[in-house]
């Protein structure tokens, strides 16, 4: 009988890649997810072979219903600063986010500890735990001390501690930036200075690392960096330009972006790659091609309405006035 793996946050950006990878490898997969209409429809359409337990990660009863019989847990569910599937971010709703992020992790740990054969627990953390590090030479190493500056990153640090102190067999992944393949019209895109270092990792490579960890005894009891490697170590401005050109919008002006260093950086992944063998895709070679296919039906319309689209995006920047956004939108559209 194949091992049973419980995945929390299973229908998110990384979660779906993890489900696909585990199912392809023959695992029995169970998922704990919020019972929204969209989630239920996606589960029926795409994942009929997954046993879904519908409930909130912060609800101990839902967690207790999901954990029994699991051989391993992949804990992805977490409220993030922007682009949250809940529609609410961790920084605007810190008390609620803490209940979900830490309350959910506590409930999961307690339910796992209560099992006759406790499952292994793999927790996905983030490179955000290191804080603002642009003044330090890269790369960041697992031995670097966390210095979180956001509620989200503080929650990650505390959740890591819960996992390490749980007495369970555990592994922790600190992830680089795993971008969703879709149009992103979110103010969060302006939070990062254009000269900020950032490392991309493909969501399917994260899923590959998860699968290999489940099959690699040496992966457990360790914290690992899961980044794309040197080929995916970028400066944010280059990333934005490539995405905006692929979508058909064109590069946005520097004045729209924050001047405050952002908590992303390049990561040392030499050891994690040697053990987990997961770096197979690149930002330029894979992600941009996927994005181009995803936006192809919309690209003619975007190009036709380019000034309006640029104005819509620039109006979402907290660093520009209405008049500045209008002027810069038209100037960029003529470029």
Protein backbone atom coordinates (compact mmCIF):
# COMPACT_ATOMS: atom_id res chain seq x y z
CA UNK A 1 0.00 0.00 0.00
CA UNK A 2 1.38 3.43 -0.94
CA UNK A 3 2.20 5.93 1.82
CA UNK A 4 -0.50 8.48 2.67
CA UNK A 5 0.55 12.13 2.54
CA UNK A 6 -1.61 14.94 3.93
CA UNK A 7 -1.13 18.29 2.19
CA UNK A 8 -2.41 21.52 3.77
CA UNK A 9 -3.01 24.51 1.50
CA UNK A 10 -3.24 21.97 -1.30
CA UNK A 11 -5.03 24.13 -3.88
CA UNK A 12 -2.65 27.08 -3.71
CA UNK A 13 0.09 27.90 -6.20
CA UNK A 14 2.63 25.46 -4.74
CA UNK A 15 0.02 23.08 -3.37
CA UNK A 16 -1.30 22.11 -6.78
CA UNK A 17 2.23 21.39 -8.01
CA UNK A 18 2.80 19.20 -4.93
CA UNK A 19 -0.46 17.31 -5.52
CA UNK A 20 0.50 16.70 -9.16
CA UNK A 21 3.96 15.42 -8.23
CA UNK A 22 2.79 13.14 -5.43
CA UNK A 23 -0.05 11.66 -7.50
CA UNK A 24 2.35 11.01 -10.39
CA UNK A 25 4.56 9.06 -7.98
CA UNK A 26 1.71 6.89 -6.75
CA UNK A 27 1.20 8.33 -3.27
CA UNK A 28 -2.17 8.20 -1.57
CA UNK A 29 -2.94 11.89 -1.14
CA UNK A 30 -5.24 13.60 1.33
CA UNK A 31 -5.78 17.36 1.43
CA UNK A 32 -7.01 19.84 4.03
CA UNK A 33 -8.53 22.89 2.35
CA UNK A 34 -10.98 25.71 2.95
CA UNK A 35 -14.48 24.78 1.72
CA UNK A 36 -14.98 27.63 -0.73
CA UNK A 37 -17.08 27.15 -3.85
CA UNK A 38 -14.01 27.70 -6.06
CA UNK A 39 -11.95 25.16 -4.11
CA UNK A 40 -14.68 22.52 -4.26
CA UNK A 41 -15.10 23.03 -8.00
CA UNK A 42 -11.35 22.80 -8.62
CA UNK A 43 -11.09 19.66 -6.49
CA UNK A 44 -13.89 17.96 -8.44
CA UNK A 45 -12.51 18.96 -11.82
CA UNK A 46 -8.79 18.39 -11.35
CA UNK A 47 -8.24 16.14 -8.33
CA UNK A 48 -10.95 13.45 -8.11
CA UNK A 49 -8.37 10.98 -6.77
CA UNK A 50 -7.48 13.17 -3.76
CA UNK A 51 -9.40 12.71 -0.50
CA UNK A 52 -10.34 16.23 0.57
CA UNK A 53 -11.08 17.13 4.18
CA UNK A 54 -12.91 20.46 4.07
CA UNK A 55 -12.15 22.81 6.92
CA UNK A 56 -9.99 25.62 8.26
CA UNK A 57 -6.40 24.88 9.27
CA UNK A 58 -7.01 26.98 12.41
CA UNK A 59 -9.93 24.72 13.45
CA UNK A 60 -8.52 21.90 15.64
CA UNK A 61 -11.53 19.70 14.84
CA UNK A 62 -10.85 19.92 11.10
CA UNK A 63 -7.17 19.18 11.64
CA UNK A 64 -7.94 16.23 13.91
CA UNK A 65 -10.17 14.81 11.19
CA UNK A 66 -7.46 15.15 8.55
CA UNK A 67 -4.36 13.77 10.29
CA UNK A 68 -5.17 10.17 11.41
CA UNK A 69 -3.61 7.58 9.12
CA UNK A 70 -1.19 9.99 7.44
CA UNK A 71 2.40 8.82 7.09
CA UNK A 72 3.64 12.33 6.33
CA UNK A 73 2.31 15.88 6.34
CA UNK A 74 3.34 18.62 3.92
CA UNK A 75 2.30 21.86 5.62
CA UNK A 76 1.87 24.64 3.05
CA UNK A 77 -1.17 26.54 4.40
CA UNK A 78 -0.14 30.04 5.52
CA UNK A 79 -1.48 33.57 5.14
CA UNK A 80 1.04 35.56 3.10
CA UNK A 81 1.59 39.36 2.84
CA UNK A 82 0.12 39.72 -0.65
CA UNK A 83 -1.68 37.55 -3.20
CA UNK A 84 -3.26 35.47 -0.46
CA UNK A 85 -5.88 33.00 -1.66
CA UNK A 86 -8.04 34.16 1.24
CA UNK A 87 -8.15 37.69 -0.18
CA UNK A 88 -6.70 39.00 3.10
CA UNK A 89 -3.01 39.64 3.70
CA UNK A 90 -0.94 39.02 6.82
CA UNK A 91 0.24 42.62 7.19
CA UNK A 92 -3.20 44.24 7.12
CA UNK A 93 -4.74 41.52 9.32
CA UNK A 94 -1.92 40.43 11.64
CA UNK A 95 -4.03 39.07 14.54
CA UNK A 96 -6.22 36.98 12.25
CA UNK A 97 -3.16 35.85 10.25
CA UNK A 98 -1.43 34.77 13.46
CA UNK A 99 -4.46 32.67 14.41
CA UNK A 100 -4.31 30.93 11.04
CA UNK A 101 -0.53 30.66 10.72
CA UNK A 102 0.47 29.77 14.26
CA UNK A 103 -2.86 28.39 15.43
CA UNK A 104 -2.97 26.13 12.39
CA UNK A 105 0.59 24.93 12.89
CA UNK A 106 -0.04 24.28 16.58
CA UNK A 107 -3.20 22.30 15.77
CA UNK A 108 -1.34 20.26 13.16
CA UNK A 109 1.56 19.49 15.51
CA UNK A 110 -0.81 18.49 18.33
CA UNK A 111 -2.83 16.20 16.08
CA UNK A 112 0.34 14.57 14.74
CA UNK A 113 1.75 14.06 18.24
CA UNK A 114 -1.48 12.32 19.29
CA UNK A 115 -1.21 9.58 16.65
CA UNK A 116 -0.06 6.04 17.57
CA UNK A 117 2.48 6.35 14.74
CA UNK A 118 3.14 10.09 14.41
CA UNK A 119 3.62 11.24 10.82
CA UNK A 120 6.68 13.10 9.59
CA UNK A 121 6.11 16.83 9.18
CA UNK A 122 7.57 18.93 6.35
CA UNK A 123 6.97 22.65 6.87
CA UNK A 124 7.47 25.24 4.13
CA UNK A 125 8.99 28.43 5.52
CA UNK A 126 10.41 31.38 3.56
CA UNK A 127 13.55 33.35 2.76
CA UNK A 128 11.66 36.31 4.27
CA UNK A 129 12.83 35.14 7.72
CA UNK A 130 16.24 36.77 7.08
CA UNK A 131 14.78 40.25 6.80
CA UNK A 132 16.41 43.05 4.84
CA UNK A 133 19.86 41.87 3.80
CA UNK A 134 20.84 44.01 0.80
CA UNK A 135 23.65 45.52 2.88
CA UNK A 136 25.20 42.07 3.33
CA UNK A 137 27.13 40.14 0.67
CA UNK A 138 25.11 37.26 -0.79
CA UNK A 139 24.19 34.49 -0.58
CA UNK A 140 22.12 33.85 2.50
CA UNK A 141 22.98 30.64 4.33
CA UNK A 142 20.84 28.44 6.55
CA UNK A 143 23.20 29.30 9.41
CA UNK A 144 22.32 33.02 9.13
CA UNK A 145 20.23 34.26 12.04
CA UNK A 146 16.62 35.18 11.20
CA UNK A 147 15.78 38.87 11.47
CA UNK A 148 12.14 39.13 10.36
CA UNK A 149 10.59 42.53 9.62
CA UNK A 150 7.01 41.47 8.70
CA UNK A 151 4.24 39.75 10.63
CA UNK A 152 4.38 37.01 7.99
CA UNK A 153 8.09 36.35 8.53
CA UNK A 154 7.72 36.50 12.32
CA UNK A 155 4.97 33.89 12.05
CA UNK A 156 7.28 31.72 9.93
CA UNK A 157 10.07 31.93 12.51
CA UNK A 158 7.71 31.00 15.34
CA UNK A 159 6.16 28.18 13.32
CA UNK A 160 9.64 26.81 12.54
CA UNK A 161 10.30 26.71 16.28
CA UNK A 162 7.04 24.85 16.91
CA UNK A 163 7.99 22.25 14.32
CA UNK A 164 11.55 21.80 15.59
CA UNK A 165 10.43 21.50 19.21
CA UNK A 166 7.56 19.11 18.40
CA UNK A 167 9.39 15.83 18.92
CA UNK A 168 8.19 14.76 15.46
CA UNK A 169 10.42 13.79 12.58
CA UNK A 170 10.58 17.11 10.72
CA UNK A 171 12.11 19.02 7.83
CA UNK A 172 11.87 22.74 7.05
CA UNK A 173 12.09 24.30 3.59
CA UNK A 174 12.89 28.02 3.32
CA UNK A 175 11.54 28.88 -0.11
CA UNK A 176 12.69 31.48 -2.60
CA UNK A 177 10.12 33.36 -4.73
CA UNK A 178 7.78 30.84 -6.40
CA UNK A 179 5.66 33.02 -8.69
CA UNK A 180 2.20 31.97 -9.89
CA UNK A 181 1.75 31.70 -13.64
CA UNK A 182 -0.92 34.34 -14.19
CA UNK A 183 -1.46 38.04 -14.58
CA UNK A 184 -0.70 39.74 -11.26
CA UNK A 185 -2.30 43.13 -10.75
CA UNK A 186 -1.43 43.46 -7.08
CA UNK A 187 0.03 46.47 -5.24
CA UNK A 188 2.58 44.10 -3.72
CA UNK A 189 4.55 44.15 -6.96
CA UNK A 190 5.65 47.70 -6.09
CA UNK A 191 6.95 46.78 -2.61
CA UNK A 192 10.33 45.63 -3.95
CA UNK A 193 13.01 48.09 -5.13
CA UNK A 194 14.18 47.48 -8.67
CA UNK A 195 17.79 46.92 -7.52
CA UNK A 196 16.79 44.33 -4.87
CA UNK A 197 18.27 40.85 -5.21
CA UNK A 198 15.65 38.13 -5.59
CA UNK A 199 15.84 34.40 -6.28
CA UNK A 200 13.20 32.58 -8.30
CA UNK A 201 12.24 28.93 -7.83
CA UNK A 202 9.74 27.16 -10.05
CA UNK A 203 6.72 25.81 -8.19
CA UNK A 204 7.24 22.40 -9.81
CA UNK A 205 10.81 22.31 -8.56
CA UNK A 206 9.50 22.98 -5.04
CA UNK A 207 7.16 20.02 -5.53
CA UNK A 208 10.08 17.91 -6.73
CA UNK A 209 12.05 18.82 -3.60
CA UNK A 210 9.06 17.81 -1.45
CA UNK A 211 8.77 14.44 -3.17
CA UNK A 212 12.50 13.76 -2.95
CA UNK A 213 12.50 14.70 0.75
CA UNK A 214 9.76 12.14 1.41
CA UNK A 215 12.01 9.53 -0.22
CA UNK A 216 15.37 10.65 1.27
CA UNK A 217 16.15 9.84 4.93
CA UNK A 218 18.99 12.40 4.97
CA UNK A 219 16.48 15.21 4.35
CA UNK A 220 14.94 14.99 7.83
CA UNK A 221 15.91 16.93 10.92
CA UNK A 222 17.33 19.75 8.77
CA UNK A 223 16.48 23.22 7.47
CA UNK A 224 16.95 23.54 3.70
CA UNK A 225 17.06 26.39 1.22
CA UNK A 226 14.80 25.70 -1.76
CA UNK A 227 15.77 28.19 -4.44
CA UNK A 228 16.34 28.03 -8.16
CA UNK A 229 20.13 28.22 -7.96
CA UNK A 230 22.55 30.63 -9.66
CA UNK A 231 20.65 30.62 -12.97
CA UNK A 232 17.62 32.02 -11.16
CA UNK A 233 19.36 34.69 -9.08
CA UNK A 234 18.07 37.98 -10.45
CA UNK A 235 17.77 41.66 -9.74
CA UNK A 236 14.10 42.54 -9.29
CA UNK A 237 14.08 45.14 -12.05
CA UNK A 238 15.18 42.51 -14.57
CA UNK A 239 12.43 40.21 -13.37
CA UNK A 240 9.77 42.91 -13.67
CA UNK A 241 10.94 43.96 -17.12
CA UNK A 242 10.85 40.38 -18.41
CA UNK A 243 7.35 39.78 -17.01
CA UNK A 244 5.92 43.08 -18.22
CA UNK A 245 7.39 42.58 -21.71
CA UNK A 246 6.01 39.04 -21.85
CA UNK A 247 2.55 40.25 -20.87
CA UNK A 248 2.72 43.12 -23.37
CA UNK A 249 2.57 46.01 -20.90
CA UNK A 250 6.20 47.11 -21.08
CA UNK A 251 8.50 48.10 -18.23
CA UNK A 252 7.01 50.30 -15.54
CA UNK A 253 8.81 53.45 -14.29
CA UNK A 254 11.22 53.23 -11.38
CA UNK A 255 9.29 55.93 -9.48
CA UNK A 256 6.44 53.45 -8.93
CA UNK A 257 8.59 51.12 -6.83
CA UNK A 258 9.57 51.27 -3.17
CA UNK A 259 13.00 52.64 -2.20
CA UNK A 260 13.04 50.49 0.97
CA UNK A 261 15.01 47.21 0.75
CA UNK A 262 12.76 44.17 0.66
CA UNK A 263 13.34 40.86 2.52
CA UNK A 264 14.44 38.76 -0.46
CA UNK A 265 17.95 37.73 -1.45
CA UNK A 266 20.00 35.05 -3.16
CA UNK A 267 20.32 31.72 -1.37
CA UNK A 268 23.06 29.14 -0.91
CA UNK A 269 21.42 25.97 -2.27
CA UNK A 270 24.53 23.86 -2.94
CA UNK A 271 23.80 21.34 -0.18
CA UNK A 272 20.03 21.20 -0.69
CA UNK A 273 20.52 20.59 -4.42
CA UNK A 274 23.04 17.82 -3.71
CA UNK A 275 20.61 16.03 -1.38
CA UNK A 276 17.20 16.83 -2.91
CA UNK A 277 18.07 17.13 -6.65
CA UNK A 278 15.28 19.53 -7.54
CA UNK A 279 16.66 22.39 -9.65
CA UNK A 280 15.41 21.59 -13.16
CA UNK A 281 13.66 24.77 -14.38
CA UNK A 282 14.55 28.44 -14.89
CA UNK A 283 12.79 31.79 -14.81
CA UNK A 284 13.79 32.76 -18.35
CA UNK A 285 13.52 29.33 -19.95
CA UNK A 286 10.42 27.90 -18.27
CA UNK A 287 8.44 30.43 -16.27
CA UNK A 288 8.33 33.11 -18.98
CA UNK A 289 7.30 30.53 -21.58
CA UNK A 290 4.46 29.34 -19.35
CA UNK A 291 3.39 32.92 -18.67
CA UNK A 292 3.41 33.72 -22.40
CA UNK A 293 1.10 30.77 -23.08
CA UNK A 294 -1.19 31.76 -20.23
CA UNK A 295 -1.61 35.37 -21.41
CA UNK A 296 -1.64 34.68 -25.16
CA UNK A 297 -5.45 35.08 -25.49
CA UNK A 298 -5.27 38.42 -23.66
CA UNK A 299 -2.15 39.87 -25.23
CA UNK A 300 -3.83 41.56 -28.26
CA UNK A 301 -6.33 43.24 -25.95
CA UNK A 302 -3.58 44.31 -23.54
CA UNK A 303 -1.57 45.83 -26.36
CA UNK A 304 -4.64 47.64 -27.73
CA UNK A 305 -5.44 49.04 -24.29
CA UNK A 306 -1.84 49.44 -23.19
CA UNK A 307 -2.08 53.01 -21.80
CA UNK A 308 -5.19 52.12 -19.79
CA UNK A 309 -3.62 48.91 -18.47
CA UNK A 310 -0.46 50.77 -17.50
CA UNK A 311 -2.51 53.46 -15.77
CA UNK A 312 -4.50 50.81 -13.89
CA UNK A 313 -1.28 49.20 -12.68
CA UNK A 314 0.43 52.46 -11.77
CA UNK A 315 -2.59 53.68 -9.82
CA UNK A 316 -2.05 50.69 -7.54
CA UNK A 317 1.42 51.92 -6.61
CA UNK A 318 1.43 53.72 -3.23
CA UNK A 319 4.41 55.78 -4.43
CA UNK A 320 2.63 57.71 -7.21
CA UNK A 321 -0.13 60.31 -7.24
CA UNK A 322 -3.06 60.05 -9.66
CA UNK A 323 -1.50 62.70 -11.89
CA UNK A 324 1.91 61.00 -11.88
CA UNK A 325 0.36 57.63 -12.71
CA UNK A 326 -1.60 59.16 -15.62
CA UNK A 327 1.45 60.94 -17.07
CA UNK A 328 3.79 57.98 -16.69
CA UNK A 329 1.23 55.55 -18.14
CA UNK A 330 1.00 57.53 -21.37
CA UNK A 331 4.73 58.22 -21.56
CA UNK A 332 5.51 54.53 -21.23
CA UNK A 333 2.87 53.55 -23.75
CA UNK A 334 4.51 55.76 -26.40
CA UNK A 335 7.99 54.35 -25.68
